[in-house]
Amino acid sequence: MNYVRDILKTKDGRIQTISPKATVYEALEKMSEKEIGALVVMENKKVVGIFSERDYARKIILQGKTSKKTLVKEVMSSHLFSVTPDTTVEDAMVLMTGKHIRHLPVFEKSKFVGIISIGDVLKLIISNKDFLINQLSDYIAGKYY
């Protein structure tokens, strides 16, 4: 069984954050530069929300706002669901699909320790399936180690 901590181990440990007082344009620049789909919004060392590409599409583009004049705090997702490092990957995936969210902050004893995406979850699940397929193929072919 895999846990959220297994996903966090595969990440570089640098969590990309932004201030709620930054403009959406600044957030988009940072996301583009880092090639990521979301930023953790932090104020006074506390997680106050997540800003994602989905927030941009739904709350800026579709509402006719401009990214250079809108602050992150006006459009970020502030009602957050979260997991712990001990949450199973399967439970994280159920939460994400059930709540239609793509990013989950990870907290350990109330301390923010990272963020995972649905892509991270799927990558781990596919990796496990590939390993199992290879093991079964080797077994069928008579390769034993």
C-alpha atoms as a PDB file:
ATOM      1  CA  MET A   1       0.000   0.000   0.000  1.00  0.00           C
ATOM      2  CA  ASN A   2       1.222   3.482  -0.849  1.00  0.00           C
ATOM      3  CA  TYR A   3       0.846   6.618   1.211  1.00  0.00           C
ATOM      4  CA  VAL A   4       0.930  10.350   0.538  1.00  0.00           C
ATOM      5  CA  ARG A   5       4.397  10.400   2.140  1.00  0.00           C
ATOM      6  CA  ASP A   6       5.585   8.237  -0.801  1.00  0.00           C
ATOM      7  CA  ILE A   7       4.481  10.922  -3.229  1.00  0.00           C
ATOM      8  CA  LEU A   8       6.125  13.673  -1.184  1.00  0.00           C
ATOM      9  CA  LYS A   9       9.438  11.764  -1.319  1.00  0.00           C
ATOM     10  CA  THR A  10       9.400  12.022  -5.121  1.00  0.00           C
ATOM     11  CA  LYS A  11       9.072  15.801  -5.064  1.00  0.00           C
ATOM     12  CA  ASP A  12      12.016  18.177  -4.742  1.00  0.00           C
ATOM     13  CA  GLY A  13      10.757  19.551  -1.429  1.00  0.00           C
ATOM     14  CA  ARG A  14      10.408  23.113  -2.643  1.00  0.00           C
ATOM     15  CA  ILE A  15       6.827  24.236  -2.259  1.00  0.00           C
ATOM     16  CA  GLN A  16       5.821  27.068  -4.547  1.00  0.00           C
ATOM     17  CA  THR A  17       3.876  29.740  -2.711  1.00  0.00           C
ATOM     18  CA  ILE A  18       2.429  33.170  -3.329  1.00  0.00           C
ATOM     19  CA  SER A  19       1.003  35.960  -1.210  1.00  0.00           C
ATOM     20  CA  PRO A  20      -2.740  36.599  -1.284  1.00  0.00           C
ATOM     21  CA  LYS A  21      -1.844  40.226  -2.060  1.00  0.00           C
ATOM     22  CA  ALA A  22      -0.057  39.313  -5.299  1.00  0.00           C
ATOM     23  CA  THR A  23      -1.838  39.851  -8.583  1.00  0.00           C
ATOM     24  CA  VAL A  24      -3.199  36.936 -10.524  1.00  0.00           C
ATOM     25  CA  TYR A  25      -0.788  37.906 -13.296  1.00  0.00           C
ATOM     26  CA  GLU A  26       2.171  37.449 -10.917  1.00  0.00           C
ATOM     27  CA  ALA A  27       0.787  34.064  -9.906  1.00  0.00           C
ATOM     28  CA  LEU A  28       0.450  33.008 -13.542  1.00  0.00           C
ATOM     29  CA  GLU A  29       4.019  34.129 -14.274  1.00  0.00           C
ATOM     30  CA  LYS A  30       5.328  32.036 -11.396  1.00  0.00           C
ATOM     31  CA  MET A  31       3.265  29.008 -12.391  1.00  0.00           C
ATOM     32  CA  SER A  32       4.527  29.279 -15.966  1.00  0.00           C
ATOM     33  CA  GLU A  33       8.135  29.691 -14.850  1.00  0.00           C
ATOM     34  CA  LYS A  34       7.949  26.673 -12.526  1.00  0.00           C
ATOM     35  CA  GLU A  35       5.788  24.645 -14.945  1.00  0.00           C
ATOM     36  CA  ILE A  36       3.175  23.891 -12.297  1.00  0.00           C
ATOM     37  CA  GLY A  37      -0.606  24.075 -12.174  1.00  0.00           C
ATOM     38  CA  ALA A  38      -1.134  25.584  -8.730  1.00  0.00           C
ATOM     39  CA  LEU A  39       0.419  27.704  -6.008  1.00  0.00           C
ATOM     40  CA  VAL A  40      -0.098  27.505  -2.284  1.00  0.00           C
ATOM     41  CA  VAL A  41      -1.314  30.866  -0.985  1.00  0.00           C
ATOM     42  CA  MET A  42       0.396  31.727   2.288  1.00  0.00           C
ATOM     43  CA  GLU A  43       0.041  34.614   4.694  1.00  0.00           C
ATOM     44  CA  ASN A  44       2.069  34.897   7.897  1.00  0.00           C
ATOM     45  CA  LYS A  45       3.475  31.403   7.330  1.00  0.00           C
ATOM     46  CA  LYS A  46      -0.056  29.963   7.245  1.00  0.00           C
ATOM     47  CA  VAL A  47      -1.828  28.320   4.309  1.00  0.00           C
ATOM     48  CA  VAL A  48      -4.852  30.438   3.419  1.00  0.00           C
ATOM     49  CA  GLY A  49      -5.706  28.960   0.030  1.00  0.00           C
ATOM     50  CA  ILE A  50      -4.649  27.493  -3.280  1.00  0.00           C
ATOM     51  CA  PHE A  51      -4.591  29.301  -6.602  1.00  0.00           C
ATOM     52  CA  SER A  52      -4.791  27.080  -9.661  1.00  0.00           C
ATOM     53  CA  GLU A  53      -5.181  27.226 -13.415  1.00  0.00           C
ATOM     54  CA  ARG A  54      -8.788  26.208 -12.838  1.00  0.00           C
ATOM     55  CA  ASP A  55      -9.330  29.265 -10.602  1.00  0.00           C
ATOM     56  CA  TYR A  56      -7.904  31.438 -13.358  1.00  0.00           C
ATOM     57  CA  ALA A  57     -10.148  29.945 -16.027  1.00  0.00           C
ATOM     58  CA  ARG A  58     -13.345  30.047 -13.981  1.00  0.00           C
ATOM     59  CA  LYS A  59     -12.905  33.202 -11.918  1.00  0.00           C
ATOM     60  CA  ILE A  60     -10.929  35.488 -14.199  1.00  0.00           C
ATOM     61  CA  ILE A  61     -11.462  34.590 -17.842  1.00  0.00           C
ATOM     62  CA  LEU A  62     -15.114  33.555 -17.626  1.00  0.00           C
ATOM     63  CA  GLN A  63     -16.014  36.515 -15.417  1.00  0.00           C
ATOM     64  CA  GLY A  64     -14.292  39.056 -17.628  1.00  0.00           C
ATOM     65  CA  LYS A  65     -11.745  40.149 -15.022  1.00  0.00           C
ATOM     66  CA  THR A  66      -8.140  41.059 -15.753  1.00  0.00           C
ATOM     67  CA  SER A  67      -5.219  39.208 -14.236  1.00  0.00           C
ATOM     68  CA  LYS A  68      -3.145  42.358 -13.749  1.00  0.00           C
ATOM     69  CA  LYS A  69      -5.836  44.069 -11.658  1.00  0.00           C
ATOM     70  CA  THR A  70      -7.181  41.133  -9.663  1.00  0.00           C
ATOM     71  CA  LEU A  71      -5.532  39.932  -6.464  1.00  0.00           C
ATOM     72  CA  VAL A  72      -4.986  36.250  -5.753  1.00  0.00           C
ATOM     73  CA  LYS A  73      -7.054  36.506  -2.541  1.00  0.00           C
ATOM     74  CA  GLU A  74     -10.108  37.498  -4.602  1.00  0.00           C
ATOM     75  CA  VAL A  75     -10.134  34.292  -6.647  1.00  0.00           C
ATOM     76  CA  MET A  76      -8.170  31.639  -4.745  1.00  0.00           C
ATOM     77  CA  SER A  77      -9.833  28.524  -3.392  1.00  0.00           C
ATOM     78  CA  SER A  78      -9.949  29.065   0.349  1.00  0.00           C
ATOM     79  CA  HIS A  79     -12.171  26.172   1.445  1.00  0.00           C
ATOM     80  CA  LEU A  80      -9.505  23.476   1.410  1.00  0.00           C
ATOM     81  CA  PHE A  81      -9.604  19.755   1.874  1.00  0.00           C
ATOM     82  CA  SER A  82      -6.331  18.269   3.075  1.00  0.00           C
ATOM     83  CA  VAL A  83      -4.546  15.016   3.834  1.00  0.00           C
ATOM     84  CA  THR A  84      -1.694  13.833   6.038  1.00  0.00           C
ATOM     85  CA  PRO A  85       1.448  11.944   5.010  1.00  0.00           C
ATOM     86  CA  ASP A  86      -0.202   8.825   6.460  1.00  0.00           C
ATOM     87  CA  THR A  87      -3.245   9.064   4.186  1.00  0.00           C
ATOM     88  CA  THR A  88      -3.306   6.249   1.647  1.00  0.00           C
ATOM     89  CA  VAL A  89      -2.915   7.229  -1.982  1.00  0.00           C
ATOM     90  CA  GLU A  90      -6.229   5.529  -2.688  1.00  0.00           C
ATOM     91  CA  ASP A  91      -8.003   7.638  -0.045  1.00  0.00           C
ATOM     92  CA  ALA A  92      -6.415  10.808  -1.439  1.00  0.00           C
ATOM     93  CA  MET A  93      -7.615   9.877  -4.919  1.00  0.00           C
ATOM     94  CA  VAL A  94     -11.154   9.184  -3.670  1.00  0.00           C
ATOM     95  CA  LEU A  95     -11.196  12.586  -1.946  1.00  0.00           C
ATOM     96  CA  MET A  96      -9.899  14.371  -5.033  1.00  0.00           C
ATOM     97  CA  THR A  97     -12.305  12.734  -7.440  1.00  0.00           C
ATOM     98  CA  GLY A  98     -15.247  12.961  -5.049  1.00  0.00           C
ATOM     99  CA  LYS A  99     -14.740  16.674  -4.380  1.00  0.00           C
ATOM    100  CA  HIS A 100     -13.606  17.486  -7.956  1.00  0.00           C
ATOM    101  CA  ILE A 101     -10.285  18.948  -6.833  1.00  0.00           C
ATOM    102  CA  ARG A 102      -6.848  18.564  -8.361  1.00  0.00           C
ATOM    103  CA  HIS A 103      -4.566  19.683  -5.528  1.00  0.00           C
ATOM    104  CA  LEU A 104      -4.421  18.737  -1.861  1.00  0.00           C
ATOM    105  CA  PRO A 105      -2.300  20.376   0.801  1.00  0.00           C
ATOM    106  CA  VAL A 106      -0.571  17.950   3.148  1.00  0.00           C
ATOM    107  CA  PHE A 107      -0.441  18.689   6.877  1.00  0.00           C
ATOM    108  CA  GLU A 108       1.406  16.804   9.585  1.00  0.00           C
ATOM    109  CA  LYS A 109       0.352  17.718  13.129  1.00  0.00           C
ATOM    110  CA  SER A 110      -1.047  21.048  11.880  1.00  0.00           C
ATOM    111  CA  LYS A 111       2.209  21.861  10.053  1.00  0.00           C
ATOM    112  CA  PHE A 112       2.053  22.351   6.288  1.00  0.00           C
ATOM    113  CA  VAL A 113       4.496  19.909   4.693  1.00  0.00           C
ATOM    114  CA  GLY A 114       3.601  19.828   1.004  1.00  0.00           C
ATOM    115  CA  ILE A 115       1.053  19.604  -1.746  1.00  0.00           C
ATOM    116  CA  ILE A 116       0.068  16.772  -4.049  1.00  0.00           C
ATOM    117  CA  SER A 117      -1.770  16.861  -7.352  1.00  0.00           C
ATOM    118  CA  ILE A 118      -4.015  14.364  -9.063  1.00  0.00           C
ATOM    119  CA  GLY A 119      -1.155  13.954 -11.548  1.00  0.00           C
ATOM    120  CA  ASP A 120       1.191  12.932  -8.737  1.00  0.00           C
ATOM    121  CA  VAL A 121      -1.350  10.376  -7.538  1.00  0.00           C
ATOM    122  CA  LEU A 122      -1.915   8.924 -11.000  1.00  0.00           C
ATOM    123  CA  LYS A 123       1.820   8.746 -11.716  1.00  0.00           C
ATOM    124  CA  LEU A 124       2.359   6.627  -8.600  1.00  0.00           C
ATOM    125  CA  ILE A 125      -0.599   4.368  -9.345  1.00  0.00           C
ATOM    126  CA  ILE A 126       0.537   3.824 -12.952  1.00  0.00           C
ATOM    127  CA  SER A 127       4.082   3.146 -11.781  1.00  0.00           C
ATOM    128  CA  ASN A 128       2.776   0.459  -9.415  1.00  0.00           C
ATOM    129  CA  LYS A 129       0.665  -1.091 -12.175  1.00  0.00           C
ATOM    130  CA  ASP A 130       3.650  -1.128 -14.568  1.00  0.00           C
ATOM    131  CA  PHE A 131       5.752  -2.891 -11.928  1.00  0.00           C
ATOM    132  CA  LEU A 132       3.052  -5.503 -11.381  1.00  0.00           C
ATOM    133  CA  ILE A 133       2.638  -6.073 -15.123  1.00  0.00           C
ATOM    134  CA  ASN A 134       6.390  -6.560 -15.511  1.00  0.00           C
ATOM    135  CA  GLN A 135       6.464  -9.006 -12.596  1.00  0.00           C
ATOM    136  CA  LEU A 136       3.565 -11.011 -14.044  1.00  0.00           C
ATOM    137  CA  SER A 137       5.139 -10.989 -17.518  1.00  0.00           C
ATOM    138  CA  ASP A 138       8.411 -12.288 -16.091  1.00  0.00           C
ATOM    139  CA  TYR A 139       6.536 -14.988 -14.189  1.00  0.00           C
ATOM    140  CA  ILE A 140       4.648 -16.084 -17.303  1.00  0.00           C
ATOM    141  CA  ALA A 141       7.876 -16.084 -19.334  1.00  0.00           C
ATOM    142  CA  GLY A 142       9.561 -18.215 -16.671  1.00  0.00           C
ATOM    143  CA  LYS A 143      12.019 -15.549 -15.485  1.00  0.00           C
ATOM    144  CA  TYR A 144      12.602 -15.933 -11.772  1.00  0.00           C
ATOM    145  CA  TYR A 145      14.936 -13.881  -9.641  1.00  0.00           C
END
